[in-house]
Amino acid sequence: MKPKFNLWIEHKGNVVLSDWRVQLLEAVAAAGSVSAAAAQMHVPAQRARQKLKEMEQALGFKVVEPDPTGEGRRPLRLSARGKRLVEQFGRFASGFDAEVARRYRKAFGS
């Protein structure tokens, strides 16, 4: 047996951050486009676009924006607030794996 858990953050009942959504944001930042990020994550581009739209609507601000210095058809980058959310979620989520493993060992033994 092995413990599993999902961690996410909601705003007004809508999921705005999760491991998957942060991975999507990081992939967009690295690839410069939603389509390339979706391909990297092996999901349809439409699904990736929808998740970004859901996040932005729930948060009330853009998490990605056009990148005037990027290359490609319509290059994107994380907005300043999008970058901050990725960093904050990373700090928040850090250590949960170890805590879950510790609690599992305590409850079930090694």
Protein backbone atom coordinates (compact mmCIF):
# COMPACT_ATOMS: atom_id res chain seq x y z
CA MET A 1 0.00 0.00 0.00
CA LYS A 2 1.08 3.56 -0.68
CA PRO A 3 -0.61 6.80 0.39
CA LYS A 4 -1.79 9.29 -2.25
CA PHE A 5 -3.31 12.74 -1.93
CA ASN A 6 -4.32 15.71 -4.06
CA LEU A 7 -3.68 19.26 -2.96
CA TRP A 8 -5.45 22.21 -4.49
CA ILE A 9 -6.53 25.74 -3.66
CA GLU A 10 -10.00 27.07 -4.36
CA HIS A 11 -11.25 30.62 -4.63
CA LYS A 12 -15.00 31.13 -4.28
CA GLY A 13 -15.59 27.42 -4.87
CA ASN A 14 -13.42 27.20 -8.01
CA VAL A 15 -10.11 25.37 -8.24
CA VAL A 16 -7.45 27.95 -9.04
CA LEU A 17 -4.23 26.11 -8.16
CA SER A 18 -3.20 22.48 -8.02
CA ASP A 19 -0.12 20.47 -8.86
CA TRP A 20 -1.46 19.89 -12.39
CA ARG A 21 -2.39 23.54 -12.93
CA VAL A 22 0.99 24.73 -11.69
CA GLN A 23 2.67 22.23 -14.04
CA LEU A 24 0.58 23.71 -16.86
CA LEU A 25 1.65 27.25 -15.97
CA GLU A 26 5.30 26.20 -15.80
CA ALA A 27 4.98 24.42 -19.15
CA VAL A 28 3.45 27.53 -20.76
CA ALA A 29 6.30 29.62 -19.33
CA ALA A 30 8.90 27.20 -20.68
CA ALA A 31 7.29 26.57 -24.08
CA GLY A 32 5.89 30.03 -24.72
CA SER A 33 2.51 28.72 -25.89
CA VAL A 34 -0.49 26.83 -24.59
CA SER A 35 -0.43 24.40 -27.51
CA ALA A 36 3.20 23.46 -26.90
CA ALA A 37 2.61 23.19 -23.15
CA ALA A 38 -0.41 20.94 -23.74
CA ALA A 39 1.58 18.70 -26.07
CA GLN A 40 4.34 18.46 -23.47
CA MET A 41 1.77 17.45 -20.85
CA HIS A 42 -0.02 15.04 -23.21
CA VAL A 43 -3.41 16.79 -22.95
CA PRO A 44 -5.56 18.42 -25.62
CA ALA A 45 -4.75 22.10 -26.17
CA GLN A 46 -8.43 22.94 -25.71
CA ARG A 47 -8.38 21.43 -22.22
CA ALA A 48 -5.28 23.42 -21.30
CA ARG A 49 -6.85 26.64 -22.60
CA GLN A 50 -10.04 25.93 -20.66
CA LYS A 51 -8.17 25.36 -17.40
CA LEU A 52 -6.25 28.62 -17.85
CA LYS A 53 -9.50 30.45 -18.58
CA GLU A 54 -11.14 28.93 -15.48
CA MET A 55 -8.22 30.01 -13.33
CA GLU A 56 -8.20 33.56 -14.68
CA GLN A 57 -11.98 33.96 -14.36
CA ALA A 58 -11.99 32.70 -10.77
CA LEU A 59 -8.97 34.78 -9.76
CA GLY A 60 -10.06 37.92 -11.59
CA PHE A 61 -6.69 38.49 -13.26
CA LYS A 62 -4.50 37.09 -16.03
CA VAL A 63 -1.98 34.39 -15.16
CA VAL A 64 -0.48 34.36 -18.67
CA GLU A 65 0.13 37.28 -20.99
CA PRO A 66 1.62 37.99 -24.40
CA ASP A 67 5.42 37.93 -24.41
CA PRO A 68 6.69 40.76 -26.62
CA THR A 69 10.23 39.36 -26.47
CA GLY A 70 9.27 35.78 -27.34
CA GLU A 71 9.35 34.00 -30.66
CA GLY A 72 6.53 32.24 -32.44
CA ARG A 73 3.05 33.11 -33.62
CA ARG A 74 1.70 34.53 -30.36
CA PRO A 75 4.26 33.88 -27.62
CA LEU A 76 3.11 33.80 -24.01
CA ARG A 77 4.71 34.15 -20.61
CA LEU A 78 3.48 34.08 -17.05
CA SER A 79 2.18 37.39 -15.77
CA ALA A 80 3.85 38.77 -12.65
CA ARG A 81 0.88 37.58 -10.60
CA GLY A 82 0.99 34.19 -12.32
CA LYS A 83 4.68 33.81 -11.41
CA ARG A 84 3.94 34.78 -7.82
CA LEU A 85 1.15 32.17 -7.58
CA VAL A 86 3.45 29.43 -8.90
CA GLU A 87 6.10 30.39 -6.33
CA GLN A 88 3.57 30.62 -3.50
CA PHE A 89 2.01 27.27 -4.32
CA GLY A 90 5.48 25.72 -4.42
CA ARG A 91 6.24 27.04 -0.94
CA PHE A 92 2.83 25.95 0.35
CA ALA A 93 2.98 22.44 -1.14
CA SER A 94 6.59 21.83 -0.14
CA GLY A 95 6.76 19.23 2.60
CA PHE A 96 3.28 17.74 2.16
CA ASP A 97 4.71 14.54 0.65
CA ALA A 98 6.98 14.05 3.66
CA GLU A 99 4.17 14.83 6.09
CA VAL A 100 1.80 12.36 4.39
CA ALA A 101 4.54 9.70 4.43
CA ARG A 102 5.20 10.39 8.14
CA ARG A 103 1.52 10.11 9.03
CA TYR A 104 1.18 6.95 6.95
CA ARG A 105 4.10 5.32 8.78
CA LYS A 106 2.61 6.36 12.11
CA ALA A 107 -0.80 4.90 11.24
CA PHE A 108 0.24 1.80 9.28
CA GLY A 109 3.84 1.13 10.28
CA SER A 110 6.78 1.08 7.93
